[in-house]
N, C-alpha and C. Protein backbone atom coordinates (compact mmCIF):
# COMPACT_ATOMS: atom_id res chain seq x y z
N MET A 1 74.34 167.19 115.95
CA MET A 1 75.51 166.06 115.47
C MET A 1 76.63 166.23 115.40
N THR A 2 77.38 165.01 115.97
CA THR A 2 78.52 165.04 116.56
C THR A 2 79.02 164.01 115.95
N ALA A 3 80.91 164.16 116.05
CA ALA A 3 81.47 162.98 115.49
C ALA A 3 81.54 161.93 116.22
N ALA A 4 81.16 162.17 117.27
CA ALA A 4 81.49 160.27 118.58
C ALA A 4 81.16 159.48 117.66
N GLY A 5 81.93 158.62 117.54
CA GLY A 5 82.08 157.15 117.25
C GLY A 5 82.23 156.86 115.50
N VAL A 6 82.73 157.94 114.98
CA VAL A 6 83.33 158.00 113.51
C VAL A 6 84.33 157.55 113.48
N HIS A 7 85.49 156.97 114.34
CA HIS A 7 86.66 155.94 114.16
C HIS A 7 86.37 154.92 115.01
N GLN A 8 84.89 154.73 115.56
CA GLN A 8 84.91 153.02 115.74
C GLN A 8 84.70 151.83 115.16
N ALA A 9 85.58 150.91 115.27
CA ALA A 9 85.80 150.08 114.04
C ALA A 9 84.34 149.12 113.91
N ALA A 10 83.92 148.88 112.98
CA ALA A 10 82.90 147.87 112.84
C ALA A 10 82.91 146.56 113.86
N PRO A 11 82.20 145.89 114.45
CA PRO A 11 82.40 144.51 115.04
C PRO A 11 83.17 143.26 114.33
N GLY A 12 84.20 143.09 114.89
CA GLY A 12 85.00 141.87 113.97
C GLY A 12 85.97 142.82 113.14
N ALA A 13 86.17 143.95 113.38
CA ALA A 13 86.91 144.63 112.18
C ALA A 13 88.49 144.52 112.66
N ALA A 14 88.75 144.82 113.98
CA ALA A 14 89.77 144.78 115.19
C ALA A 14 90.31 143.46 114.69
N SER A 15 89.30 142.62 114.86
CA SER A 15 90.27 140.83 114.87
C SER A 15 90.69 140.48 113.30
N ALA A 16 89.99 141.09 112.36
CA ALA A 16 90.41 141.04 111.37
C ALA A 16 91.82 140.83 110.84
N PRO A 17 92.62 141.80 111.13
CA PRO A 17 94.22 141.94 110.74
C PRO A 17 94.51 141.21 111.36
N ALA A 18 94.59 140.91 112.80
CA ALA A 18 95.31 139.95 113.65
C ALA A 18 95.06 138.57 112.88
N ALA A 19 93.82 138.10 112.52
CA ALA A 19 93.51 136.72 112.17
C ALA A 19 94.05 136.96 110.77
N ARG A 20 94.45 137.95 109.48
CA ARG A 20 95.16 137.76 108.45
C ARG A 20 96.82 137.75 109.04
N LEU A 21 97.55 138.36 109.89
CA LEU A 21 99.00 138.36 110.26
C LEU A 21 99.01 136.70 110.91
N GLY A 22 98.04 136.39 111.68
CA GLY A 22 98.25 134.80 112.31
C GLY A 22 99.01 133.83 111.07
N PRO A 23 98.50 133.31 109.89
CA PRO A 23 99.27 132.37 109.26
C PRO A 23 99.87 133.25 107.87
N ALA A 24 100.08 134.03 108.15
CA ALA A 24 101.18 135.34 107.16
C ALA A 24 102.53 134.13 106.85
N TRP A 25 102.89 133.60 108.11
CA TRP A 25 104.34 133.03 107.69
C TRP A 25 103.91 131.85 107.04
N LEU A 26 102.92 131.21 106.98
CA LEU A 26 102.37 129.77 106.73
C LEU A 26 101.86 129.99 104.74
N ARG A 27 101.31 131.43 104.58
CA ARG A 27 100.99 131.77 103.07
C ARG A 27 102.22 131.87 102.30
N LEU A 28 103.24 132.51 103.41
CA LEU A 28 104.51 132.84 102.69
C LEU A 28 105.39 131.46 102.48
N ALA A 29 105.05 130.46 103.23
CA ALA A 29 105.64 129.38 102.97
C ALA A 29 104.91 128.46 101.61
N TRP A 30 103.70 128.89 101.61
CA TRP A 30 103.05 128.27 100.84
C TRP A 30 103.43 128.89 99.22
N LEU A 31 103.48 130.23 99.38
CA LEU A 31 103.98 130.73 98.00
C LEU A 31 105.16 130.26 97.60
N TYR A 32 106.00 130.31 98.84
CA TYR A 32 107.30 129.86 98.02
C TYR A 32 107.62 128.65 97.43
N LEU A 33 106.91 127.56 98.16
CA LEU A 33 106.71 126.10 97.48
C LEU A 33 106.35 125.98 96.52
N VAL A 34 105.07 126.70 95.94
CA VAL A 34 104.51 126.68 94.83
C VAL A 34 105.37 127.19 93.78
N SER A 35 106.29 128.10 93.88
CA SER A 35 107.25 128.97 93.17
C SER A 35 108.02 128.45 92.56
N ARG A 36 108.42 127.03 93.55
CA ARG A 36 109.13 126.42 93.24
C ARG A 36 109.21 124.97 92.82
N ARG A 37 107.27 125.26 92.09
CA ARG A 37 106.66 123.78 91.92
C ARG A 37 107.09 122.31 92.94
N ALA A 38 107.02 122.81 94.40
CA ALA A 38 107.11 121.78 95.12
C ALA A 38 105.96 120.81 95.39
N PRO A 39 104.77 121.34 94.85
CA PRO A 39 103.55 120.20 94.74
C PRO A 39 103.92 119.08 93.47
N VAL A 40 104.63 119.81 92.22
CA VAL A 40 104.90 118.83 91.53
C VAL A 40 105.95 117.86 91.35
N ALA A 41 107.16 118.54 92.66
CA ALA A 41 108.19 117.55 93.14
C ALA A 41 107.58 116.80 93.87
N LEU A 42 106.84 116.49 94.99
CA LEU A 42 106.10 115.85 95.31
C LEU A 42 105.37 114.79 94.95
N ALA A 43 104.85 114.83 94.13
CA ALA A 43 103.94 113.71 92.68
C ALA A 43 104.98 113.38 92.36
N LEU A 44 106.43 113.77 91.71
CA LEU A 44 107.14 113.04 91.20
C LEU A 44 107.87 112.31 92.15
N LEU A 45 108.01 112.74 93.58
CA LEU A 45 109.30 111.47 94.25
C LEU A 45 108.01 110.49 94.54
N ALA A 46 106.54 110.55 94.87
CA ALA A 46 105.51 109.27 95.36
C ALA A 46 105.64 108.88 94.11
N GLY A 47 106.02 109.09 92.70
CA GLY A 47 106.12 108.10 91.36
C GLY A 47 107.07 107.07 91.23
N LEU A 48 108.21 108.06 92.20
CA LEU A 48 109.52 107.34 92.06
C LEU A 48 109.26 106.40 92.94
N GLY A 49 108.93 106.55 94.27
CA GLY A 49 108.43 105.12 95.44
C GLY A 49 107.82 104.37 94.62
N ALA A 50 106.60 104.59 93.76
CA ALA A 50 105.99 103.49 93.23
C ALA A 50 107.04 102.76 92.53
N LEU A 51 107.60 103.51 91.55
CA LEU A 51 108.78 102.57 90.70
C LEU A 51 109.58 101.93 91.21
N LEU A 52 110.18 102.19 92.46
CA LEU A 52 111.11 101.36 93.49
C LEU A 52 110.12 100.23 93.66
N TRP A 53 108.63 100.49 93.92
CA TRP A 53 107.88 99.24 94.56
C TRP A 53 107.92 98.13 93.70
N VAL A 54 107.58 98.54 91.90
CA VAL A 54 107.31 97.95 91.15
C VAL A 54 108.71 96.80 90.65
N ALA A 55 109.52 97.52 90.79
CA ALA A 55 110.78 97.12 90.39
C ALA A 55 111.42 95.76 91.40
N LEU A 56 111.24 96.16 92.51
CA LEU A 56 111.35 95.23 93.73
C LEU A 56 110.17 94.33 93.69
N HIS A 57 109.12 94.49 93.83
CA HIS A 57 107.73 93.55 93.70
C HIS A 57 108.19 92.43 92.56
N TRP A 58 108.47 92.96 91.10
CA TRP A 58 108.39 92.43 90.07
C TRP A 58 110.03 91.63 89.68
N HIS A 59 110.73 92.21 90.78
CA HIS A 59 112.19 91.42 90.90
C HIS A 59 113.19 92.13 89.50
N TRP A 60 112.91 93.14 88.82
CA TRP A 60 113.71 93.32 87.69
C TRP A 60 114.71 93.33 87.55
N ASN A 61 115.65 93.52 88.75
CA ASN A 61 117.15 93.53 88.64
C ASN A 61 117.76 92.66 89.46
N VAL A 62 117.34 91.66 90.10
CA VAL A 62 117.70 90.54 90.64
C VAL A 62 119.22 89.64 89.70
N ALA A 63 119.11 89.61 88.45
CA ALA A 63 120.20 88.66 88.09
C ALA A 63 121.25 89.64 87.82
N GLY A 64 122.82 89.05 87.77
CA GLY A 64 123.89 89.90 87.49
C GLY A 64 124.64 90.27 88.96
N GLY A 65 125.62 91.55 88.43
CA GLY A 65 126.57 91.47 89.90
C GLY A 65 126.03 92.92 90.39
N PRO A 66 126.73 93.32 91.20
CA PRO A 66 126.00 94.32 92.45
C PRO A 66 125.70 95.73 91.21
N ALA A 67 126.11 95.92 90.18
CA ALA A 67 125.82 97.20 89.45
C ALA A 67 124.32 96.68 89.19
N ALA A 68 124.03 95.69 88.91
CA ALA A 68 122.51 95.04 88.23
C ALA A 68 121.99 95.36 88.90
N GLN A 69 121.88 94.57 90.62
CA GLN A 69 121.25 94.85 91.78
C GLN A 69 121.02 96.00 92.28
N MET A 70 121.71 96.77 92.25
CA MET A 70 121.52 98.14 92.10
C MET A 70 120.63 99.17 91.46
N MET A 71 120.91 98.64 90.51
CA MET A 71 120.34 99.62 88.89
C MET A 71 119.14 100.51 89.74
N PHE A 72 117.85 99.68 89.39
CA PHE A 72 116.84 100.48 90.34
C PHE A 72 116.80 101.47 90.65
N PRO A 73 117.30 100.79 92.13
CA PRO A 73 117.34 101.83 92.92
C PRO A 73 118.13 102.88 93.04
N LEU A 74 119.20 102.77 92.22
CA LEU A 74 120.36 104.00 92.13
C LEU A 74 119.42 104.92 91.27
N VAL A 75 118.56 104.28 90.07
CA VAL A 75 118.00 105.37 88.87
C VAL A 75 116.82 106.33 90.41
N THR A 76 115.77 105.20 91.10
CA THR A 76 115.40 106.29 91.91
C THR A 76 115.69 107.26 93.45
N GLU A 77 116.96 106.44 93.41
CA GLU A 77 117.60 107.85 94.45
C GLU A 77 118.38 108.87 93.54
N ALA A 78 118.76 108.81 92.74
CA ALA A 78 119.19 109.85 91.76
C ALA A 78 118.04 110.59 91.09
N GLY A 79 116.83 109.79 90.94
CA GLY A 79 115.97 110.52 90.44
C GLY A 79 115.43 111.71 91.34
N ALA A 80 115.29 111.34 92.75
CA ALA A 80 114.59 112.07 93.75
C ALA A 80 115.40 113.36 93.98
N ALA A 81 117.02 112.56 93.85
CA ALA A 81 117.88 113.78 94.37
C ALA A 81 117.75 115.19 93.26
N ALA A 82 117.41 114.37 91.85
CA ALA A 82 117.55 115.42 90.88
C ALA A 82 116.11 116.28 90.91
N VAL A 83 114.98 115.88 91.35
CA VAL A 83 114.08 116.68 91.11
C VAL A 83 113.94 117.46 92.55
N ILE A 84 114.71 116.91 93.49
CA ILE A 84 114.69 118.23 95.07
C ILE A 84 115.65 119.48 93.90
N ALA A 85 117.04 118.88 93.46
CA ALA A 85 117.68 119.93 92.68
C ALA A 85 116.75 120.89 91.87
N ALA A 86 115.90 120.26 91.15
CA ALA A 86 115.27 121.53 90.21
C ALA A 86 114.16 122.33 90.92
N THR A 87 114.03 121.86 92.19
CA THR A 87 112.97 122.74 92.84
C THR A 87 113.79 123.93 93.55
N THR A 88 115.63 124.35 93.46
CA THR A 88 116.08 125.63 93.86
C THR A 88 115.90 126.28 92.73
N TYR A 89 115.52 126.27 91.75
CA TYR A 89 115.34 127.43 90.97
C TYR A 89 113.92 128.13 90.98
N GLY A 90 113.91 129.51 91.26
CA GLY A 90 112.97 130.28 91.18
C GLY A 90 112.71 131.58 90.10
N PRO A 91 111.44 131.22 89.49
CA PRO A 91 111.32 132.47 88.66
C PRO A 91 111.82 134.28 88.71
N PHE A 92 111.46 134.53 90.30
CA PHE A 92 111.48 135.86 90.49
C PHE A 92 112.83 136.30 91.00
N GLY A 93 114.00 135.55 90.44
CA GLY A 93 115.45 136.12 90.64
C GLY A 93 115.74 137.13 91.59
N GLU A 94 116.69 138.44 91.57
CA GLU A 94 117.03 139.09 92.44
C GLU A 94 116.02 139.99 93.04
N PRO A 95 114.75 140.38 92.48
CA PRO A 95 114.00 141.10 93.31
C PRO A 95 112.99 140.49 94.71
N GLU A 96 113.03 138.64 94.33
CA GLU A 96 112.53 138.06 95.56
C GLU A 96 113.71 138.11 96.65
N ARG A 97 115.12 137.98 96.17
CA ARG A 97 116.37 137.98 97.10
C ARG A 97 116.16 139.46 98.01
N ALA A 98 116.12 140.11 97.36
CA ALA A 98 116.50 141.56 97.77
C ALA A 98 115.07 142.30 98.74
N THR A 99 113.88 141.52 98.65
CA THR A 99 112.69 141.80 99.25
C THR A 99 112.60 140.64 100.54
N GLY A 100 113.14 139.69 100.33
CA GLY A 100 112.34 138.40 101.40
C GLY A 100 113.43 138.22 102.50
N ARG A 101 113.13 138.69 103.29
CA ARG A 101 114.28 138.18 104.98
C ARG A 101 114.33 137.15 105.08
N TRP A 102 112.81 136.44 104.93
CA TRP A 102 112.88 134.68 105.55
C TRP A 102 113.17 134.01 104.14
N LEU A 103 114.11 134.11 103.19
CA LEU A 103 114.35 133.71 102.12
C LEU A 103 115.51 132.27 102.46
N PRO A 104 116.72 132.82 103.40
CA PRO A 104 116.93 131.86 103.39
C PRO A 104 116.54 130.25 104.64
N TYR A 105 115.98 130.80 105.08
CA TYR A 105 115.12 129.78 106.09
C TYR A 105 114.09 129.06 104.81
N LEU A 106 113.36 129.67 104.01
CA LEU A 106 112.46 128.85 103.56
C LEU A 106 113.27 127.72 102.82
N ARG A 107 114.44 128.50 101.82
CA ARG A 107 115.89 127.59 101.08
C ARG A 107 115.69 126.20 101.94
N LEU A 108 116.08 126.50 103.10
CA LEU A 108 116.60 125.44 104.14
C LEU A 108 115.77 124.26 104.42
N GLY A 109 114.50 124.96 104.69
CA GLY A 109 113.42 124.32 105.16
C GLY A 109 112.55 123.37 104.19
N ALA A 110 112.86 123.91 102.83
CA ALA A 110 112.05 123.28 101.55
C ALA A 110 113.14 122.04 101.47
N ALA A 111 114.42 122.56 101.36
CA ALA A 111 115.34 121.20 100.92
C ALA A 111 115.27 120.38 101.92
N VAL A 112 115.26 120.25 103.15
CA VAL A 112 115.14 119.60 104.44
C VAL A 112 113.79 118.57 104.13
N ALA A 113 112.73 119.32 103.94
CA ALA A 113 111.57 118.63 103.55
C ALA A 113 111.34 118.22 102.52
N LEU A 114 112.03 118.11 101.14
CA LEU A 114 111.57 117.43 100.45
C LEU A 114 112.24 116.68 100.17
N THR A 115 113.89 116.40 101.06
CA THR A 115 114.86 115.17 101.07
C THR A 115 114.16 113.95 102.19
N ALA A 116 113.51 114.92 102.97
CA ALA A 116 112.98 113.81 104.04
C ALA A 116 111.66 113.11 103.21
N ALA A 117 110.55 113.78 102.50
CA ALA A 117 109.65 113.42 101.46
C ALA A 117 110.19 111.99 100.82
N ALA A 118 111.35 112.77 100.05
CA ALA A 118 112.23 111.74 99.09
C ALA A 118 112.46 110.60 99.52
N ILE A 119 113.34 110.35 101.02
CA ILE A 119 113.60 109.35 101.61
C ILE A 119 112.39 108.32 102.12
N GLY A 120 111.41 109.18 102.67
CA GLY A 120 109.84 108.85 102.92
C GLY A 120 109.54 107.87 101.83
N ALA A 121 109.15 108.45 100.81
CA ALA A 121 108.70 107.77 99.82
C ALA A 121 109.36 106.31 99.34
N LEU A 122 110.55 106.59 99.24
CA LEU A 122 111.54 105.06 98.63
C LEU A 122 111.54 104.32 99.43
N ALA A 123 111.51 104.89 100.94
CA ALA A 123 111.14 103.71 102.19
C ALA A 123 110.01 102.77 102.10
N LEU A 124 109.12 103.81 101.83
CA LEU A 124 107.57 102.92 101.49
C LEU A 124 107.61 102.02 100.14
N GLY A 125 108.45 102.71 99.23
CA GLY A 125 108.58 101.93 97.90
C GLY A 125 109.44 100.61 98.03
N SER A 126 110.27 100.65 99.26
CA SER A 126 111.08 99.87 99.67
C SER A 126 110.24 97.89 99.78
N THR A 127 109.04 98.79 100.46
CA THR A 127 108.51 97.45 101.02
C THR A 127 107.72 96.44 99.88
N GLY A 128 108.01 96.91 98.47
CA GLY A 128 107.82 95.75 97.38
C GLY A 128 108.76 94.60 97.49
N GLY A 129 109.85 94.64 98.10
CA GLY A 129 110.80 93.45 98.33
C GLY A 129 111.96 93.63 98.92
N GLY A 130 113.26 92.97 98.41
CA GLY A 130 113.91 93.46 99.61
C GLY A 130 115.30 94.21 98.86
N LEU A 131 115.44 95.40 99.74
CA LEU A 131 115.93 96.68 98.77
C LEU A 131 117.81 96.44 99.08
N PRO A 132 118.59 96.70 97.97
CA PRO A 132 119.99 96.20 98.31
C PRO A 132 120.45 97.51 99.02
N GLY A 133 121.15 97.03 99.86
CA GLY A 133 121.70 97.87 101.09
C GLY A 133 120.84 98.09 102.68
N GLY A 134 119.49 98.16 102.13
CA GLY A 134 118.56 98.09 103.16
C GLY A 134 118.38 99.76 103.29
N PHE A 135 117.61 100.39 104.40
CA PHE A 135 116.94 101.78 104.42
C PHE A 135 118.00 102.73 104.58
N ALA A 136 119.54 102.50 105.23
CA ALA A 136 120.34 103.24 105.79
C ALA A 136 121.26 103.53 104.33
N ALA A 137 121.47 102.64 103.51
CA ALA A 137 122.10 102.90 102.53
C ALA A 137 121.08 104.03 101.43
N MET A 138 119.83 103.34 101.88
CA MET A 138 119.16 104.46 100.68
C MET A 138 118.94 105.92 101.40
N ALA A 139 118.93 105.86 102.67
CA ALA A 139 118.75 107.37 103.12
C ALA A 139 120.17 108.03 102.78
N ARG A 140 121.32 107.43 102.86
CA ARG A 140 122.36 108.14 102.86
C ARG A 140 123.08 108.08 101.35
N ASN A 141 122.29 107.57 100.35
CA ASN A 141 122.18 107.99 98.75
C ASN A 141 121.76 108.95 98.33
N VAL A 142 120.24 109.07 98.97
CA VAL A 142 119.60 110.20 98.55
C VAL A 142 120.01 111.40 99.20
N ALA A 143 120.25 111.68 100.29
CA ALA A 143 121.12 112.52 100.97
C ALA A 143 122.37 113.20 100.29
N GLY A 144 123.43 112.08 100.14
CA GLY A 144 124.54 112.81 99.55
C GLY A 144 124.18 113.31 97.92
N MET A 145 123.34 112.58 97.56
CA MET A 145 123.31 113.01 95.70
C MET A 145 122.17 114.33 96.02
N THR A 146 121.37 114.34 96.83
CA THR A 146 120.66 115.60 96.71
C THR A 146 121.59 117.16 96.99
N GLY A 147 122.95 116.42 98.05
CA GLY A 147 123.74 117.43 98.35
C GLY A 147 124.41 117.89 97.01
N VAL A 148 124.73 116.78 96.29
CA VAL A 148 125.50 117.38 94.95
C VAL A 148 124.60 118.11 94.35
N GLY A 149 123.20 117.97 94.16
CA GLY A 149 122.43 118.78 93.51
C GLY A 149 122.67 120.10 93.80
N LEU A 150 122.30 120.65 95.10
CA LEU A 150 122.13 121.51 95.68
C LEU A 150 123.94 122.23 95.43
N LEU A 151 124.93 121.45 95.26
CA LEU A 151 126.00 122.36 95.04
C LEU A 151 126.19 122.81 93.60
N CYS A 152 125.30 121.76 92.60
CA CYS A 152 125.25 122.17 91.45
C CYS A 152 124.51 123.65 90.96
N ALA A 153 123.73 123.48 91.88
CA ALA A 153 122.65 124.99 92.03
C ALA A 153 123.36 125.85 92.05
N ILE A 154 124.40 125.95 92.96
CA ILE A 154 125.06 127.14 93.61
C ILE A 154 125.92 127.45 92.56
N VAL A 155 126.83 126.16 91.84
CA VAL A 155 127.38 126.49 90.69
C VAL A 155 127.14 127.02 89.52
N LEU A 156 126.12 126.20 88.94
CA LEU A 156 125.49 125.96 87.50
C LEU A 156 124.13 126.67 87.70
N GLY A 157 123.33 126.97 88.44
CA GLY A 157 122.08 127.73 88.66
C GLY A 157 120.83 126.67 88.83
N GLY A 158 119.97 126.91 89.38
CA GLY A 158 118.78 126.08 89.28
C GLY A 158 117.93 125.36 88.56
N MET A 159 118.16 126.05 87.13
CA MET A 159 117.97 125.14 86.01
C MET A 159 118.58 123.81 85.49
N LEU A 160 119.90 124.07 86.17
CA LEU A 160 121.02 122.79 85.59
C LEU A 160 121.37 121.82 86.71
N ALA A 161 120.67 122.00 87.81
CA ALA A 161 121.03 121.77 89.10
C ALA A 161 120.84 120.11 89.38
N TRP A 162 119.81 119.89 88.39
CA TRP A 162 119.64 118.30 88.26
C TRP A 162 120.68 117.34 87.42
N THR A 163 121.26 117.94 86.60
CA THR A 163 122.91 117.32 86.09
C THR A 163 123.57 116.65 86.86
N GLY A 164 124.11 117.23 88.19
CA GLY A 164 124.71 116.52 88.98
C GLY A 164 124.33 115.50 89.45
N PRO A 165 123.11 115.15 90.30
CA PRO A 165 122.82 113.79 90.76
C PRO A 165 123.07 113.18 89.32
N VAL A 166 122.31 113.40 88.06
CA VAL A 166 122.81 112.68 86.97
C VAL A 166 123.54 111.99 86.71
N ALA A 167 124.92 112.74 86.77
CA ALA A 167 125.85 112.60 86.40
C ALA A 167 126.95 111.83 88.00
N TYR A 168 126.30 111.95 88.60
CA TYR A 168 126.90 111.01 90.08
C TYR A 168 126.13 109.65 90.18
N TRP A 169 125.10 109.46 89.50
CA TRP A 169 124.37 108.43 89.11
C TRP A 169 125.72 107.45 88.52
N VAL A 170 125.70 108.39 87.07
CA VAL A 170 126.24 107.27 86.02
C VAL A 170 127.70 106.96 86.71
N LEU A 171 128.49 108.15 87.35
CA LEU A 171 129.92 107.64 88.05
C LEU A 171 129.57 106.12 89.21
N ALA A 172 128.74 106.23 89.96
CA ALA A 172 128.19 105.25 91.02
C ALA A 172 128.24 103.95 90.25
N GLU A 173 127.52 104.09 88.97
CA GLU A 173 127.12 102.66 88.32
C GLU A 173 128.39 102.37 87.77
N ALA A 174 128.81 103.22 87.08
CA ALA A 174 130.55 102.49 86.78
C ALA A 174 131.49 102.00 87.68
N ALA A 175 131.30 102.73 89.13
CA ALA A 175 132.56 102.42 89.87
C ALA A 175 131.84 100.85 90.12
N LEU A 176 130.22 100.55 90.33
CA LEU A 176 129.92 99.22 91.26
C LEU A 176 130.46 98.22 90.11
N ALA A 177 129.92 98.59 88.54
CA ALA A 177 130.47 97.57 87.58
C ALA A 177 131.83 97.31 87.19
N ASN A 178 132.62 98.01 87.71
CA ASN A 178 134.03 98.03 87.72
C ASN A 178 134.78 97.62 88.80
N GLY A 179 133.92 97.72 90.23
CA GLY A 179 134.80 97.30 91.34
C GLY A 179 135.34 98.42 91.84
N LEU A 180 135.23 99.84 91.63
CA LEU A 180 136.26 100.69 92.07
C LEU A 180 135.24 101.11 93.51
N THR A 181 136.05 101.29 94.72
CA THR A 181 135.74 101.89 95.73
C THR A 181 136.35 102.78 96.48
N THR A 182 135.59 103.56 97.07
CA THR A 182 136.27 104.80 97.44
C THR A 182 134.85 105.58 98.39
N PRO A 183 135.31 106.30 99.74
CA PRO A 183 134.17 106.69 100.30
C PRO A 183 133.41 107.70 99.63
N TRP A 184 133.87 108.38 98.55
CA TRP A 184 132.88 109.33 97.89
C TRP A 184 132.29 108.99 96.83
N ILE A 185 132.33 107.71 96.47
CA ILE A 185 131.20 106.75 95.51
C ILE A 185 130.80 106.11 96.67
N TRP A 186 129.83 106.86 97.49
CA TRP A 186 129.41 105.59 98.46
C TRP A 186 128.09 105.13 98.12
N PRO A 187 127.24 105.08 96.95
CA PRO A 187 126.36 103.94 96.73
C PRO A 187 127.25 102.78 96.58
N ALA A 188 128.53 102.60 96.20
CA ALA A 188 129.42 101.08 95.96
C ALA A 188 129.73 100.95 97.29
N ARG A 189 129.30 101.39 98.56
CA ARG A 189 130.36 101.11 99.71
C ARG A 189 129.19 100.27 100.43
N PRO A 190 129.48 99.10 101.22
CA PRO A 190 128.57 98.49 102.05
C PRO A 190 127.64 99.46 102.52
N PRO A 191 126.42 98.98 103.36
CA PRO A 191 125.59 100.18 104.21
C PRO A 191 125.70 100.62 105.32
N ALA A 192 126.91 99.79 105.94
CA ALA A 192 127.31 100.26 107.19
C ALA A 192 129.06 100.79 107.39
N ASP A 193 129.16 100.98 106.07
CA ASP A 193 130.63 102.01 105.85
C ASP A 193 130.47 103.04 106.59
N ARG A 194 131.42 103.80 107.67
CA ARG A 194 131.06 105.08 108.29
C ARG A 194 131.67 105.84 107.36
N GLY A 195 132.83 105.47 106.38
CA GLY A 195 133.25 106.74 105.57
C GLY A 195 132.42 107.16 104.59
N ALA A 196 132.00 106.46 103.92
CA ALA A 196 130.82 106.67 103.00
C ALA A 196 129.58 107.31 103.58
N ALA A 197 129.05 106.98 104.76
CA ALA A 197 128.32 107.41 105.54
C ALA A 197 128.87 109.53 105.64
N ILE A 198 129.85 109.33 106.06
CA ILE A 198 130.06 110.78 106.56
C ILE A 198 130.34 111.46 105.67
N CYS A 199 131.23 110.90 104.17
CA CYS A 199 131.26 111.94 102.35
C CYS A 199 130.05 112.14 102.41
N ALA A 200 129.29 111.50 102.03
CA ALA A 200 127.33 111.81 101.93
C ALA A 200 126.91 112.71 102.74
N TYR A 201 126.91 112.68 103.99
CA TYR A 201 126.32 113.36 104.79
C TYR A 201 126.87 114.98 104.98
N LEU A 202 128.42 114.67 104.62
CA LEU A 202 129.37 116.21 104.84
C LEU A 202 128.68 116.94 103.00
N VAL A 203 128.83 116.15 102.31
CA VAL A 203 128.58 116.70 101.07
C VAL A 203 126.33 117.46 101.09
N PHE A 204 126.09 116.63 101.88
CA PHE A 204 124.54 116.78 102.14
C PHE A 204 124.52 118.49 103.16
N ALA A 205 125.27 118.32 104.00
CA ALA A 205 125.72 119.17 104.99
C ALA A 205 126.33 120.89 104.27
N ALA A 206 126.92 120.56 103.43
CA ALA A 206 127.41 121.84 102.91
C ALA A 206 126.47 122.17 101.49
N GLY A 207 125.89 120.97 100.80
CA GLY A 207 124.94 121.83 99.77
C GLY A 207 123.71 122.39 100.71
N LEU A 208 123.20 121.96 102.05
CA LEU A 208 122.39 122.81 102.65
C LEU A 208 122.68 124.29 103.02
N ALA A 209 124.10 124.54 103.79
CA ALA A 209 124.65 125.54 103.96
C ALA A 209 124.40 126.41 103.10
N LEU A 210 125.18 126.23 102.22
CA LEU A 210 125.52 127.08 100.92
C LEU A 210 124.12 127.42 100.04
N ILE A 211 123.15 126.88 100.10
CA ILE A 211 121.95 126.68 99.40
C ILE A 211 121.23 128.11 100.71
N THR A 212 121.30 127.76 101.54
CA THR A 212 120.75 128.68 102.67
C THR A 212 121.34 130.46 102.59
N VAL A 213 122.71 129.97 102.70
CA VAL A 213 123.42 131.42 102.74
C VAL A 213 123.52 131.99 101.45
N ARG A 214 123.72 131.41 100.18
CA ARG A 214 124.16 132.19 98.90
C ARG A 214 123.13 132.09 97.77
N GLY A 215 122.03 131.02 97.99
CA GLY A 215 120.98 130.71 97.27
C GLY A 215 121.90 130.09 95.98
N VAL A 216 120.82 130.26 94.72
CA VAL A 216 121.48 129.20 93.73
C VAL A 216 121.97 130.54 93.10
N ARG A 217 122.75 130.24 91.88
CA ARG A 217 123.39 131.27 90.68
C ARG A 217 122.16 131.86 90.16
N GLU A 218 122.29 132.90 89.84
CA GLU A 218 121.37 133.48 88.57
C GLU A 218 122.02 133.66 87.38
N SER A 219 120.99 133.51 86.43
CA SER A 219 121.50 133.85 85.01
C SER A 219 121.09 135.04 84.65
N ALA A 220 121.55 135.51 83.95
CA ALA A 220 121.78 137.41 83.50
C ALA A 220 119.95 137.64 83.36
N ARG A 221 119.43 136.50 82.90
CA ARG A 221 117.53 136.80 82.46
C ARG A 221 117.34 137.05 83.93
N ASP A 222 117.79 136.12 84.86
CA ASP A 222 116.98 136.34 86.49
C ASP A 222 117.51 137.90 86.71
N ARG A 223 118.33 138.13 86.40
CA ARG A 223 118.97 139.72 87.28
C ARG A 223 118.27 140.42 86.21
N THR A 224 117.96 140.54 85.35
CA THR A 224 116.80 141.58 85.12
C THR A 224 115.61 141.43 85.07
N THR A 225 115.14 140.43 85.34
CA THR A 225 113.67 140.45 85.94
C THR A 225 113.13 141.02 86.66
């Protein structure tokens, strides 16, 4: 009796680890997205797109001044930004940050992907009728308000990040109603306004950069998790 062949791998065993390692990055991304409730967020974004379609198709806000005409588009844009901001909260806190070297890339990828999904959902919703300002203004507004939400996640934490886009929506509605105009209140500016686009995308870029590098503010409960 000899020990020859004791260390010989069973057929197919050598390829199993490689097969498991191959999609590991995909599983990691999926686990991250699930922990941030991204599937629920996508469903909510689709619902906001449907709401916009219904509002435009049935002409819910055709009467009145600019504030009335922009009411439902702004509601859906701010709602989409609030949904994205809420996904920045994770339940694992410090342990996840300490052990996940891919975490900054996952934060960035998730924020960009959800913003693109929000713009796509609202673009489909805009086919229900004439969208005030068109696609360019809608994309500008969503990106800018998402940036506001990401910055709020850094300052207030992920659980309160949704308050930023909601507060900005109230401010934008007040500006529209009172005829106030400044590039920093970009929904009140014309679609082709370069200053408004620069301000909106600067806020979005700042939110992306800081959320990637620093992540959200952690509460005392998160740090002790």
